[in-house]
Amino acid sequence: MMVASLQVIVDGLSIGSTYALLALGLSLVFSVMGFVNFAYGSLIVWAGYAIAVTDSVGAPYALTILVMVVFTVVLSIAMGRFAFRPFITAPPATLLLTSFGVALALQAVAIFVFGEAPRHVPTPPVLIESVSVGGVRISLLQILALGLSVIVLVALNLLIQRTTFGIEIRAAAEDSKAAQLMGVRPPKVLLVVFAISGVVAAVVAFVWFARIGTVDPRADLTPTLKAFIAVVLGGLGTIRGPVIGGLLLGLFESVLASFLTTNLLAFQSAFAFGLVILVLILRPQGVAGRVVELAK
């Protein structure tokens, strides 16, 4: 019984750490622009295609991942520069509609270029291998996912708290008009945030597609929904909110997978949204978030 419980916790923390990074990518953009970027999942899908295409020309796996990271960051910056920066002072509703438009456009381009059929995303066999620790099975991919999540979270926390860019991001998030009077340039802050968001998306894509092994143009829905649920659970306005929300969602899904029957597993997402509704009723700002004013 103890071993089974530990296995559930390990599996939950592994997938939950990925959800935490997903949610963090959404929360970063929200902190500066006040809207949830639903095109974030498309960014991850294109990162998956970058891995598939680079691998198809025979590039080493390490080079493939490096190309994917650079491509994802450049695409994220381009998204921020051309799709969102022109509307930086627009109402949140306008930005939200823009994000849906960007997501649909990127999906349409992916269908045109790659077609509807799934493309294989390679995973080194060593990442799939697992070891047994006290009867608990842990794969190298799970260890890597947890390790990368910790590294990204620590690095991001240091960036936000200890650097000039971090101060500017926090100032723009708190009061963009006052920040401008102090010399902060919101367009530059926006591009920095999208660049950071691109790095986080690249890390998520590496773990996500190493786990599922394929990518298709409509694969953006699942990561976007998972990120949104994690953000709502944890709460907006802080770094720890998305992290807590992602870990809670991962543990919740792991527990469900261990107790639900095969027929009920098809409704796992419905149970997750039920949890979101319960949290919103009991604590609208999320478990660790704060109340955020979207419009005046």
Protein backbone atom coordinates (compact mmCIF):
# COMPACT_ATOMS: atom_id res chain seq x y z
CA MET A 1 0.00 0.00 0.00
CA MET A 2 2.83 2.39 0.92
CA VAL A 3 4.70 1.64 -2.32
CA ALA A 4 1.56 2.23 -4.38
CA SER A 5 0.97 5.56 -2.63
CA LEU A 6 4.55 6.66 -3.23
CA GLN A 7 4.24 5.68 -6.90
CA VAL A 8 1.14 7.85 -7.22
CA ILE A 9 2.96 10.79 -5.63
CA VAL A 10 6.05 10.40 -7.83
CA ASP A 11 3.93 10.17 -10.99
CA GLY A 12 1.85 13.15 -9.88
CA LEU A 13 4.87 15.34 -9.13
CA SER A 14 6.45 14.42 -12.45
CA ILE A 15 3.50 15.43 -14.62
CA GLY A 16 2.61 18.23 -12.19
CA SER A 17 6.02 19.85 -12.64
CA THR A 18 5.35 20.02 -16.39
CA TYR A 19 1.92 21.53 -15.75
CA ALA A 20 3.58 24.05 -13.42
CA LEU A 21 5.88 25.22 -16.21
CA LEU A 22 2.94 25.37 -18.63
CA ALA A 23 1.00 27.54 -16.21
CA LEU A 24 4.03 29.70 -15.53
CA GLY A 25 4.33 30.53 -19.22
CA LEU A 26 0.73 31.75 -19.25
CA SER A 27 1.08 33.62 -15.98
CA LEU A 28 4.17 35.55 -17.12
CA VAL A 29 2.33 37.12 -20.05
CA PHE A 30 -0.75 37.74 -17.91
CA SER A 31 1.31 39.60 -15.31
CA VAL A 32 2.36 42.21 -17.87
CA MET A 33 -0.58 42.40 -20.28
CA GLY A 34 -3.52 41.21 -18.17
CA PHE A 35 -4.82 38.46 -20.44
CA VAL A 36 -4.46 34.70 -20.83
CA ASN A 37 -2.51 33.91 -24.01
CA PHE A 38 -4.36 30.99 -25.58
CA ALA A 39 -1.80 30.86 -28.39
CA TYR A 40 0.73 29.44 -25.93
CA GLY A 41 -0.21 25.87 -26.78
CA SER A 42 0.47 26.56 -30.46
CA LEU A 43 3.98 27.65 -29.51
CA ILE A 44 4.55 24.24 -27.92
CA VAL A 45 3.15 22.46 -30.99
CA TRP A 46 5.56 24.31 -33.28
CA ALA A 47 8.40 23.42 -30.91
CA GLY A 48 7.41 19.78 -31.41
CA TYR A 49 7.52 20.21 -35.18
CA ALA A 50 10.96 21.82 -34.86
CA ILE A 51 12.20 18.65 -33.13
CA ALA A 52 10.59 16.39 -35.74
CA VAL A 53 11.92 18.33 -38.74
CA THR A 54 15.45 18.74 -37.39
CA ASP A 55 15.64 15.06 -36.49
CA SER A 56 14.39 14.08 -39.97
CA VAL A 57 17.53 15.55 -41.56
CA GLY A 58 19.75 13.36 -39.38
CA ALA A 59 20.88 15.94 -36.81
CA PRO A 60 22.17 14.66 -33.44
CA TYR A 61 19.58 14.76 -30.67
CA ALA A 62 21.47 17.43 -28.69
CA LEU A 63 21.60 19.71 -31.75
CA THR A 64 17.92 18.99 -32.42
CA ILE A 65 16.96 20.22 -28.96
CA LEU A 66 19.19 23.30 -29.30
CA VAL A 67 17.57 24.20 -32.63
CA MET A 68 14.13 23.70 -31.09
CA VAL A 69 14.92 26.03 -28.17
CA VAL A 70 16.22 28.80 -30.46
CA PHE A 71 13.28 28.40 -32.84
CA THR A 72 10.71 28.49 -30.02
CA VAL A 73 12.21 31.61 -28.44
CA VAL A 74 12.35 33.41 -31.81
CA LEU A 75 8.75 32.41 -32.59
CA SER A 76 7.60 33.58 -29.16
CA ILE A 77 9.33 36.95 -29.58
CA ALA A 78 7.83 37.32 -33.08
CA MET A 79 4.41 36.51 -31.63
CA GLY A 80 4.80 39.21 -29.00
CA ARG A 81 6.26 41.76 -31.42
CA PHE A 82 3.85 41.48 -34.32
CA ALA A 83 0.66 40.09 -32.79
CA PHE A 84 0.47 41.64 -29.33
CA ARG A 85 2.73 44.69 -29.08
CA PRO A 86 0.50 46.78 -31.40
CA PHE A 87 -2.35 46.18 -28.91
CA ILE A 88 -0.34 46.72 -25.72
CA THR A 89 -2.76 49.40 -24.50
CA ALA A 90 -5.89 47.63 -25.76
CA PRO A 91 -8.55 46.20 -23.38
CA PRO A 92 -8.01 42.61 -22.16
CA ALA A 93 -10.93 41.39 -24.30
CA THR A 94 -9.16 42.60 -27.47
CA LEU A 95 -5.94 40.86 -26.45
CA LEU A 96 -7.83 37.67 -25.64
CA LEU A 97 -9.45 37.64 -29.09
CA THR A 98 -6.04 38.34 -30.63
CA SER A 99 -4.57 35.31 -28.87
CA PHE A 100 -7.33 33.10 -30.27
CA GLY A 101 -6.65 34.52 -33.74
CA VAL A 102 -2.92 33.81 -33.43
CA ALA A 103 -3.63 30.25 -32.25
CA LEU A 104 -5.95 29.58 -35.20
CA ALA A 105 -3.47 31.11 -37.65
CA LEU A 106 -0.56 29.02 -36.35
CA GLN A 107 -2.72 25.90 -36.46
CA ALA A 108 -3.78 26.62 -40.04
CA VAL A 109 -0.16 27.13 -41.13
CA ALA A 110 0.84 23.87 -39.41
CA ILE A 111 -1.94 21.98 -41.25
CA PHE A 112 -0.89 23.55 -44.56
CA VAL A 113 2.82 22.75 -44.08
CA PHE A 114 2.71 19.39 -42.28
CA GLY A 115 -0.79 18.06 -42.93
CA GLU A 116 -3.24 16.59 -40.42
CA ALA A 117 -1.37 13.33 -39.77
CA PRO A 118 0.73 13.06 -36.57
CA ARG A 119 4.49 13.39 -36.94
CA HIS A 120 6.92 11.26 -34.94
CA VAL A 121 8.92 13.13 -32.29
CA PRO A 122 12.01 11.11 -31.32
CA THR A 123 12.78 10.19 -27.73
CA PRO A 124 16.15 8.68 -26.79
CA PRO A 125 15.55 5.17 -25.38
CA VAL A 126 17.57 6.04 -22.29
CA LEU A 127 14.94 8.55 -21.22
CA ILE A 128 12.27 5.84 -21.18
CA GLU A 129 14.28 3.45 -19.03
CA SER A 130 13.31 3.32 -15.38
CA VAL A 131 14.89 2.27 -12.13
CA SER A 132 13.29 0.87 -9.01
CA VAL A 133 13.85 2.69 -5.72
CA GLY A 134 12.23 0.85 -2.84
CA GLY A 135 9.70 -0.65 -5.22
CA VAL A 136 8.82 2.72 -6.78
CA ARG A 137 9.48 2.90 -10.53
CA ILE A 138 11.09 6.16 -11.65
CA SER A 139 12.08 6.83 -15.26
CA LEU A 140 14.93 9.09 -16.28
CA LEU A 141 12.38 11.27 -18.05
CA GLN A 142 10.50 11.79 -14.77
CA ILE A 143 13.71 12.71 -12.98
CA LEU A 144 14.67 15.02 -15.83
CA ALA A 145 11.24 16.66 -15.82
CA LEU A 146 11.45 17.38 -12.09
CA GLY A 147 15.05 18.57 -12.37
CA LEU A 148 14.38 20.90 -15.30
CA SER A 149 11.33 22.31 -13.54
CA VAL A 150 13.33 23.12 -10.43
CA ILE A 151 16.12 24.72 -12.50
CA VAL A 152 13.69 26.85 -14.50
CA LEU A 153 11.77 27.94 -11.40
CA VAL A 154 14.92 28.87 -9.47
CA ALA A 155 16.38 30.70 -12.48
CA LEU A 156 13.12 32.55 -13.10
CA ASN A 157 12.80 33.53 -9.46
CA LEU A 158 16.37 34.90 -9.47
CA LEU A 159 15.68 36.76 -12.72
CA ILE A 160 12.51 38.35 -11.39
CA GLN A 161 13.89 39.20 -7.95
CA ARG A 162 17.57 40.01 -8.57
CA THR A 163 17.97 41.59 -12.02
CA THR A 164 17.11 44.92 -13.66
CA PHE A 165 14.84 43.15 -16.14
CA GLY A 166 13.07 41.51 -13.23
CA ILE A 167 12.49 44.86 -11.53
CA GLU A 168 11.09 46.28 -14.76
CA ILE A 169 8.79 43.29 -15.23
CA ARG A 170 7.49 43.58 -11.67
CA ALA A 171 7.02 47.33 -12.06
CA ALA A 172 5.12 46.95 -15.34
CA ALA A 173 2.98 44.21 -13.81
CA GLU A 174 2.15 46.33 -10.76
CA ASP A 175 1.40 49.64 -12.51
CA SER A 176 2.44 50.09 -16.14
CA LYS A 177 1.67 53.83 -16.22
CA ALA A 178 3.74 54.56 -13.13
CA ALA A 179 6.51 52.31 -14.47
CA GLN A 180 6.61 54.37 -17.69
CA LEU A 181 7.09 57.54 -15.66
CA MET A 182 10.06 55.86 -13.99
CA GLY A 183 11.70 55.10 -17.34
CA VAL A 184 10.43 51.57 -17.93
CA ARG A 185 9.51 50.88 -21.55
CA PRO A 186 6.52 48.49 -21.67
CA PRO A 187 7.21 47.34 -25.29
CA LYS A 188 10.72 46.22 -24.29
CA VAL A 189 9.39 44.52 -21.16
CA LEU A 190 6.77 42.74 -23.27
CA LEU A 191 9.39 41.29 -25.63
CA VAL A 192 11.57 40.18 -22.71
CA VAL A 193 8.57 38.43 -21.16
CA PHE A 194 7.74 36.69 -24.44
CA ALA A 195 11.38 35.61 -24.78
CA ILE A 196 11.31 34.11 -21.27
CA SER A 197 7.95 32.53 -22.05
CA GLY A 198 9.52 31.00 -25.16
CA VAL A 199 12.31 29.41 -23.11
CA VAL A 200 9.76 27.94 -20.71
CA ALA A 201 7.69 26.66 -23.68
CA ALA A 202 10.80 24.99 -25.14
CA VAL A 203 11.48 23.16 -21.87
CA VAL A 204 7.85 22.07 -21.68
CA ALA A 205 7.89 20.90 -25.32
CA PHE A 206 10.99 18.79 -24.71
CA VAL A 207 9.39 16.97 -21.77
CA TRP A 208 5.88 16.88 -23.24
CA PHE A 209 6.79 15.33 -26.59
CA ALA A 210 9.39 13.01 -25.09
CA ARG A 211 6.47 11.60 -23.11
CA ILE A 212 3.82 11.33 -25.87
CA GLY A 213 6.10 10.81 -28.89
CA THR A 214 3.98 12.49 -31.60
CA VAL A 215 2.84 15.97 -32.63
CA ASP A 216 -0.07 17.11 -34.77
CA PRO A 217 -1.52 20.54 -35.63
CA ARG A 218 -4.36 20.21 -33.11
CA ALA A 219 -2.16 19.09 -30.22
CA ASP A 220 -2.22 22.61 -28.74
CA LEU A 221 -5.58 22.16 -27.00
CA THR A 222 -4.44 19.79 -24.25
CA PRO A 223 -1.41 21.77 -23.01
CA THR A 224 -3.39 25.02 -23.19
CA LEU A 225 -6.24 23.58 -21.11
CA LYS A 226 -3.84 22.02 -18.59
CA ALA A 227 -2.02 25.34 -18.21
CA PHE A 228 -5.30 27.23 -17.81
CA ILE A 229 -6.59 24.80 -15.17
CA ALA A 230 -3.29 24.98 -13.26
CA VAL A 231 -3.34 28.79 -13.35
CA VAL A 232 -6.91 28.91 -12.04
CA LEU A 233 -6.13 26.39 -9.29
CA GLY A 234 -2.97 28.13 -8.12
CA GLY A 235 -4.05 31.69 -8.79
CA LEU A 236 -2.70 34.61 -10.75
CA GLY A 237 -0.43 37.39 -9.60
CA THR A 238 2.45 35.36 -8.13
CA ILE A 239 5.11 32.91 -9.33
CA ARG A 240 4.21 30.34 -6.70
CA GLY A 241 0.53 30.28 -7.75
CA PRO A 242 1.01 28.52 -11.11
CA VAL A 243 3.61 26.20 -9.56
CA ILE A 244 1.25 25.12 -6.78
CA GLY A 245 -1.63 24.82 -9.25
CA GLY A 246 0.40 22.65 -11.63
CA LEU A 247 1.56 20.33 -8.88
CA LEU A 248 -1.97 20.04 -7.48
CA LEU A 249 -3.34 19.21 -10.94
CA GLY A 250 -0.65 16.58 -11.50
CA LEU A 251 -1.28 14.93 -8.13
CA PHE A 252 -5.04 15.09 -8.68
CA GLU A 253 -4.76 13.36 -12.06
CA SER A 254 -2.37 10.75 -10.68
CA VAL A 255 -4.77 9.92 -7.86
CA LEU A 256 -7.67 9.70 -10.30
CA ALA A 257 -5.71 7.39 -12.59
CA SER A 258 -5.03 5.04 -9.68
CA PHE A 259 -8.64 4.86 -8.46
CA LEU A 260 -10.92 5.35 -11.46
CA THR A 261 -12.06 2.48 -13.62
CA THR A 262 -11.11 2.34 -17.29
CA ASN A 263 -14.51 3.68 -18.36
CA LEU A 264 -14.34 6.65 -15.98
CA LEU A 265 -10.79 7.59 -17.00
CA ALA A 266 -12.26 9.09 -20.18
CA PHE A 267 -13.86 11.74 -17.94
CA GLN A 268 -10.60 12.73 -16.22
CA SER A 269 -10.69 16.23 -17.73
CA ALA A 270 -14.26 16.67 -16.54
CA PHE A 271 -13.18 15.85 -12.98
CA ALA A 272 -10.34 18.36 -13.31
CA PHE A 273 -12.76 21.10 -14.36
CA GLY A 274 -14.98 20.08 -11.45
CA LEU A 275 -12.03 20.72 -9.14
CA VAL A 276 -11.56 24.14 -10.76
CA ILE A 277 -15.22 25.02 -10.15
CA LEU A 278 -14.91 23.96 -6.51
CA VAL A 279 -11.79 26.10 -6.02
CA LEU A 280 -13.44 29.09 -7.70
CA ILE A 281 -16.42 28.78 -5.36
CA LEU A 282 -14.33 28.46 -2.20
CA ARG A 283 -11.41 30.71 -3.17
CA PRO A 284 -11.92 32.72 -6.39
CA GLN A 285 -8.33 34.03 -6.45
CA GLY A 286 -6.91 30.50 -6.38
CA VAL A 287 -5.01 28.60 -3.71
CA ALA A 288 -1.99 30.92 -3.64
CA GLY A 289 -3.01 33.80 -5.91
CA ARG A 290 -4.14 37.30 -5.23
CA VAL A 291 -7.08 39.28 -6.55
CA VAL A 292 -6.15 40.83 -9.90
CA GLU A 293 -8.00 43.76 -11.45
CA LEU A 294 -8.39 43.17 -15.18
CA ALA A 295 -10.13 46.38 -16.17
CA LYS A 296 -11.14 49.71 -14.72
